[in-house]
């Protein structure tokens, strides 16, 4: 791995290594339902949806209406898209190529 995270630890490495072994949506659902609360999963899904809409140049107001995300959440994701570690860019490209 050439990218070095500011918060990397052995236990986070283990978590991410486990996640990369999940083979399908059913395994993801099973693992994340055990690992996270339903609200945490919904929040992560909402953030991904916000990132998709921001990349499509949708307005904050329309994103709020579509996703119910707060302007603070939208702003944070916008900053991540501009100044972050390119994680959203990577997954959005993967989603785009799957379609």
N, C-alpha and C. Protein backbone atom coordinates (compact mmCIF):
# COMPACT_ATOMS: atom_id res chain seq x y z
N UNK A 1 0.86 -1.18 0.00
CA UNK A 1 0.00 0.00 0.00
C UNK A 1 0.90 1.24 0.00
N UNK A 2 0.72 2.09 -0.98
CA UNK A 2 1.53 3.30 -1.06
C UNK A 2 0.92 4.45 -0.26
N UNK A 3 -0.38 4.42 -0.04
CA UNK A 3 -1.04 5.47 0.74
C UNK A 3 -0.86 5.18 2.23
N UNK A 4 -0.50 6.17 2.99
CA UNK A 4 -0.34 6.02 4.44
C UNK A 4 -1.36 6.90 5.14
N UNK A 5 -2.34 6.29 5.80
CA UNK A 5 -3.38 7.02 6.51
C UNK A 5 -2.83 7.64 7.79
N UNK A 6 -3.42 8.76 8.17
CA UNK A 6 -3.04 9.43 9.42
C UNK A 6 -3.53 8.66 10.64
N UNK A 7 -4.53 7.80 10.47
CA UNK A 7 -5.09 7.08 11.62
C UNK A 7 -4.86 5.58 11.54
N UNK A 8 -3.93 5.14 10.73
CA UNK A 8 -3.68 3.71 10.54
C UNK A 8 -3.18 3.05 11.83
N UNK A 9 -3.81 1.94 12.16
CA UNK A 9 -3.39 1.11 13.28
C UNK A 9 -3.50 -0.35 12.86
N UNK A 10 -2.95 -1.24 13.64
CA UNK A 10 -3.02 -2.67 13.34
C UNK A 10 -4.47 -3.14 13.34
N UNK A 11 -5.26 -2.69 14.29
CA UNK A 11 -6.65 -3.15 14.35
C UNK A 11 -7.47 -2.61 13.17
N UNK A 12 -7.18 -1.39 12.73
CA UNK A 12 -7.87 -0.86 11.54
C UNK A 12 -7.40 -1.62 10.30
N UNK A 13 -6.11 -1.92 10.22
CA UNK A 13 -5.62 -2.75 9.12
C UNK A 13 -6.38 -4.08 9.07
N UNK A 14 -6.54 -4.71 10.23
CA UNK A 14 -7.26 -5.99 10.30
C UNK A 14 -8.70 -5.82 9.81
N UNK A 15 -9.36 -4.76 10.25
CA UNK A 15 -10.74 -4.50 9.82
C UNK A 15 -10.81 -4.38 8.30
N UNK A 16 -9.95 -3.56 7.73
CA UNK A 16 -10.00 -3.33 6.29
C UNK A 16 -9.62 -4.59 5.51
N UNK A 17 -8.69 -5.37 6.05
CA UNK A 17 -8.33 -6.63 5.38
C UNK A 17 -9.52 -7.58 5.37
N UNK A 18 -10.26 -7.63 6.47
CA UNK A 18 -11.46 -8.47 6.53
C UNK A 18 -12.49 -7.98 5.52
N UNK A 19 -12.70 -6.67 5.45
CA UNK A 19 -13.69 -6.12 4.52
C UNK A 19 -13.33 -6.50 3.08
N UNK A 20 -12.05 -6.46 2.75
CA UNK A 20 -11.67 -6.79 1.37
C UNK A 20 -11.85 -8.28 1.05
N UNK A 21 -12.07 -9.12 2.06
CA UNK A 21 -12.30 -10.54 1.79
C UNK A 21 -13.77 -10.86 1.54
N UNK A 22 -14.66 -9.91 1.85
CA UNK A 22 -16.09 -10.16 1.64
C UNK A 22 -16.35 -10.33 0.15
N UNK A 23 -17.08 -11.38 -0.20
CA UNK A 23 -17.20 -11.77 -1.60
C UNK A 23 -18.46 -11.28 -2.31
N UNK A 24 -19.48 -10.89 -1.56
CA UNK A 24 -20.72 -10.48 -2.22
C UNK A 24 -21.56 -9.62 -1.27
N UNK A 25 -22.68 -9.12 -1.78
CA UNK A 25 -23.52 -8.24 -0.98
C UNK A 25 -24.06 -8.95 0.26
N UNK A 26 -24.41 -10.21 0.14
CA UNK A 26 -24.95 -10.92 1.30
C UNK A 26 -23.92 -10.96 2.43
N UNK A 27 -22.67 -11.27 2.11
CA UNK A 27 -21.63 -11.27 3.13
C UNK A 27 -21.44 -9.88 3.73
N UNK A 28 -21.53 -8.85 2.90
CA UNK A 28 -21.42 -7.47 3.40
C UNK A 28 -22.57 -7.15 4.35
N UNK A 29 -23.79 -7.49 3.95
CA UNK A 29 -24.94 -7.25 4.82
C UNK A 29 -24.74 -7.95 6.16
N UNK A 30 -24.35 -9.23 6.11
CA UNK A 30 -24.20 -10.00 7.35
C UNK A 30 -23.13 -9.39 8.26
N UNK A 31 -21.99 -9.03 7.69
CA UNK A 31 -20.90 -8.49 8.49
C UNK A 31 -21.24 -7.11 9.04
N UNK A 32 -21.72 -6.23 8.17
CA UNK A 32 -22.00 -4.87 8.61
C UNK A 32 -23.18 -4.80 9.57
N UNK A 33 -24.16 -5.67 9.42
CA UNK A 33 -25.27 -5.71 10.38
C UNK A 33 -24.77 -6.12 11.76
N UNK A 34 -23.77 -6.98 11.83
CA UNK A 34 -23.19 -7.36 13.12
C UNK A 34 -22.25 -6.28 13.65
N UNK A 35 -21.54 -5.63 12.77
CA UNK A 35 -20.51 -4.65 13.15
C UNK A 35 -21.09 -3.29 13.53
N UNK A 36 -22.07 -2.83 12.77
CA UNK A 36 -22.58 -1.46 12.90
C UNK A 36 -24.04 -1.46 13.32
N UNK A 37 -24.48 -0.31 13.80
CA UNK A 37 -25.91 -0.13 14.00
C UNK A 37 -26.55 0.14 12.63
N UNK A 38 -27.84 -0.06 12.56
CA UNK A 38 -28.56 0.23 11.31
C UNK A 38 -28.37 1.70 10.94
N UNK A 39 -28.41 2.58 11.93
CA UNK A 39 -28.22 4.02 11.69
C UNK A 39 -26.84 4.30 11.10
N UNK A 40 -25.81 3.64 11.60
CA UNK A 40 -24.45 3.84 11.07
C UNK A 40 -24.37 3.41 9.61
N UNK A 41 -25.00 2.29 9.29
CA UNK A 41 -25.01 1.81 7.89
C UNK A 41 -25.78 2.80 7.02
N UNK A 42 -26.94 3.25 7.50
CA UNK A 42 -27.73 4.22 6.74
C UNK A 42 -26.96 5.52 6.55
N UNK A 43 -26.24 5.97 7.57
CA UNK A 43 -25.45 7.20 7.46
C UNK A 43 -24.34 7.06 6.41
N UNK A 44 -23.67 5.91 6.40
CA UNK A 44 -22.62 5.69 5.41
C UNK A 44 -23.21 5.66 3.99
N UNK A 45 -24.35 5.01 3.84
CA UNK A 45 -25.00 4.95 2.54
C UNK A 45 -25.43 6.35 2.10
N UNK A 46 -25.93 7.15 3.05
CA UNK A 46 -26.34 8.52 2.75
C UNK A 46 -25.14 9.34 2.28
N UNK A 47 -24.01 9.20 2.95
CA UNK A 47 -22.80 9.95 2.57
C UNK A 47 -22.36 9.59 1.15
N UNK A 48 -22.43 8.32 0.81
CA UNK A 48 -22.07 7.90 -0.54
C UNK A 48 -23.02 8.50 -1.56
N UNK A 49 -24.30 8.51 -1.25
CA UNK A 49 -25.29 9.11 -2.15
C UNK A 49 -25.03 10.61 -2.31
N UNK A 50 -24.71 11.29 -1.22
CA UNK A 50 -24.39 12.72 -1.29
C UNK A 50 -23.17 12.93 -2.18
N UNK A 51 -22.16 12.11 -2.02
CA UNK A 51 -20.95 12.25 -2.85
C UNK A 51 -21.29 12.07 -4.32
N UNK A 52 -22.13 11.09 -4.64
CA UNK A 52 -22.55 10.88 -6.04
C UNK A 52 -23.23 12.13 -6.58
N UNK A 53 -24.15 12.68 -5.80
CA UNK A 53 -24.89 13.86 -6.25
C UNK A 53 -23.99 15.08 -6.38
N UNK A 54 -23.05 15.24 -5.46
CA UNK A 54 -22.10 16.35 -5.58
C UNK A 54 -21.26 16.23 -6.84
N UNK A 55 -20.84 15.03 -7.17
CA UNK A 55 -20.07 14.82 -8.40
C UNK A 55 -20.90 15.15 -9.63
N UNK A 56 -22.22 15.00 -9.52
CA UNK A 56 -23.12 15.33 -10.62
C UNK A 56 -23.50 16.81 -10.62
N UNK A 57 -22.89 17.58 -9.71
CA UNK A 57 -23.11 19.03 -9.61
C UNK A 57 -24.54 19.40 -9.19
N UNK A 58 -25.17 18.52 -8.40
CA UNK A 58 -26.51 18.81 -7.87
C UNK A 58 -26.36 19.83 -6.74
N UNK A 59 -27.30 20.74 -6.61
CA UNK A 59 -27.24 21.79 -5.58
C UNK A 59 -27.41 21.19 -4.18
N UNK A 60 -26.87 21.92 -3.18
CA UNK A 60 -27.02 21.50 -1.79
C UNK A 60 -28.49 21.34 -1.43
N UNK A 61 -29.31 22.28 -1.86
CA UNK A 61 -30.73 22.23 -1.53
C UNK A 61 -31.38 20.97 -2.08
N UNK A 62 -31.07 20.66 -3.32
CA UNK A 62 -31.66 19.46 -3.93
C UNK A 62 -31.12 18.19 -3.27
N UNK A 63 -29.85 18.20 -2.90
CA UNK A 63 -29.27 17.04 -2.21
C UNK A 63 -29.96 16.84 -0.86
N UNK A 64 -30.20 17.94 -0.15
CA UNK A 64 -30.90 17.85 1.14
C UNK A 64 -32.30 17.28 0.94
N UNK A 65 -32.99 17.74 -0.09
CA UNK A 65 -34.34 17.24 -0.36
C UNK A 65 -34.32 15.75 -0.70
N UNK A 66 -33.34 15.33 -1.50
CA UNK A 66 -33.28 13.92 -1.94
C UNK A 66 -32.79 12.97 -0.85
N UNK A 67 -31.83 13.42 -0.04
CA UNK A 67 -31.17 12.51 0.89
C UNK A 67 -31.48 12.77 2.36
N UNK A 68 -32.04 13.94 2.65
CA UNK A 68 -32.29 14.39 4.03
C UNK A 68 -30.99 14.66 4.79
N UNK A 69 -29.87 14.77 4.08
CA UNK A 69 -28.58 15.10 4.71
C UNK A 69 -28.57 16.57 5.08
N UNK A 70 -27.91 16.87 6.19
CA UNK A 70 -27.79 18.26 6.61
C UNK A 70 -26.78 18.98 5.73
N UNK A 71 -26.86 20.30 5.73
CA UNK A 71 -25.89 21.08 4.95
C UNK A 71 -24.48 20.87 5.49
N UNK A 72 -24.35 20.64 6.80
CA UNK A 72 -23.02 20.37 7.38
C UNK A 72 -22.44 19.06 6.83
N UNK A 73 -23.27 18.03 6.72
CA UNK A 73 -22.82 16.76 6.16
C UNK A 73 -22.43 16.93 4.70
N UNK A 74 -23.26 17.62 3.95
CA UNK A 74 -22.97 17.85 2.54
C UNK A 74 -21.66 18.62 2.38
N UNK A 75 -21.48 19.64 3.20
CA UNK A 75 -20.26 20.44 3.14
C UNK A 75 -19.03 19.61 3.47
N UNK A 76 -19.14 18.76 4.47
CA UNK A 76 -18.01 17.90 4.85
C UNK A 76 -17.64 16.96 3.71
N UNK A 77 -18.64 16.38 3.08
CA UNK A 77 -18.38 15.47 1.97
C UNK A 77 -17.80 16.23 0.79
N UNK A 78 -18.29 17.43 0.54
CA UNK A 78 -17.75 18.27 -0.52
C UNK A 78 -16.26 18.54 -0.29
N UNK A 79 -15.91 18.85 0.95
CA UNK A 79 -14.50 19.09 1.29
C UNK A 79 -13.67 17.83 1.09
N UNK A 80 -14.24 16.68 1.45
CA UNK A 80 -13.53 15.41 1.25
C UNK A 80 -13.29 15.14 -0.23
N UNK A 81 -14.28 15.48 -1.05
CA UNK A 81 -14.11 15.29 -2.50
C UNK A 81 -13.00 16.18 -3.05
N UNK A 82 -12.83 17.35 -2.47
CA UNK A 82 -11.82 18.30 -2.95
C UNK A 82 -10.46 18.06 -2.31
N UNK A 83 -10.44 17.91 -0.98
CA UNK A 83 -9.17 17.88 -0.25
C UNK A 83 -8.85 16.54 0.40
N UNK A 84 -9.73 15.57 0.28
CA UNK A 84 -9.57 14.31 1.00
C UNK A 84 -8.56 13.36 0.38
N UNK A 85 -8.65 12.12 0.78
CA UNK A 85 -7.71 11.08 0.38
C UNK A 85 -8.12 10.37 -0.91
N UNK A 86 -9.09 10.92 -1.63
CA UNK A 86 -9.61 10.38 -2.89
C UNK A 86 -10.40 9.08 -2.73
N UNK A 87 -10.80 8.76 -1.51
CA UNK A 87 -11.58 7.55 -1.29
C UNK A 87 -12.92 7.57 -2.00
N UNK A 88 -13.62 8.71 -1.92
CA UNK A 88 -14.89 8.82 -2.64
C UNK A 88 -14.65 8.68 -4.14
N UNK A 89 -13.61 9.32 -4.66
CA UNK A 89 -13.33 9.26 -6.10
C UNK A 89 -13.15 7.81 -6.54
N UNK A 90 -12.40 7.05 -5.74
CA UNK A 90 -12.12 5.65 -6.07
C UNK A 90 -13.41 4.84 -6.14
N UNK A 91 -14.25 4.94 -5.10
CA UNK A 91 -15.45 4.12 -5.09
C UNK A 91 -16.48 4.60 -6.10
N UNK A 92 -16.56 5.91 -6.34
CA UNK A 92 -17.51 6.40 -7.34
C UNK A 92 -17.12 5.94 -8.74
N UNK A 93 -15.83 5.90 -9.02
CA UNK A 93 -15.37 5.36 -10.31
C UNK A 93 -15.71 3.88 -10.43
N UNK A 94 -15.52 3.13 -9.35
CA UNK A 94 -15.85 1.70 -9.36
C UNK A 94 -17.36 1.50 -9.59
N UNK A 95 -18.18 2.31 -8.91
CA UNK A 95 -19.62 2.21 -9.11
C UNK A 95 -20.01 2.53 -10.55
N UNK A 96 -19.38 3.57 -11.10
CA UNK A 96 -19.67 4.00 -12.47
C UNK A 96 -19.30 2.89 -13.47
N UNK A 97 -18.18 2.24 -13.25
CA UNK A 97 -17.72 1.20 -14.18
C UNK A 97 -18.55 -0.07 -14.07
N UNK A 98 -19.24 -0.27 -12.92
CA UNK A 98 -20.10 -1.44 -12.77
C UNK A 98 -21.41 -1.30 -13.53
N UNK A 99 -21.81 -0.07 -13.82
CA UNK A 99 -23.10 0.17 -14.48
C UNK A 99 -23.04 -0.02 -15.97
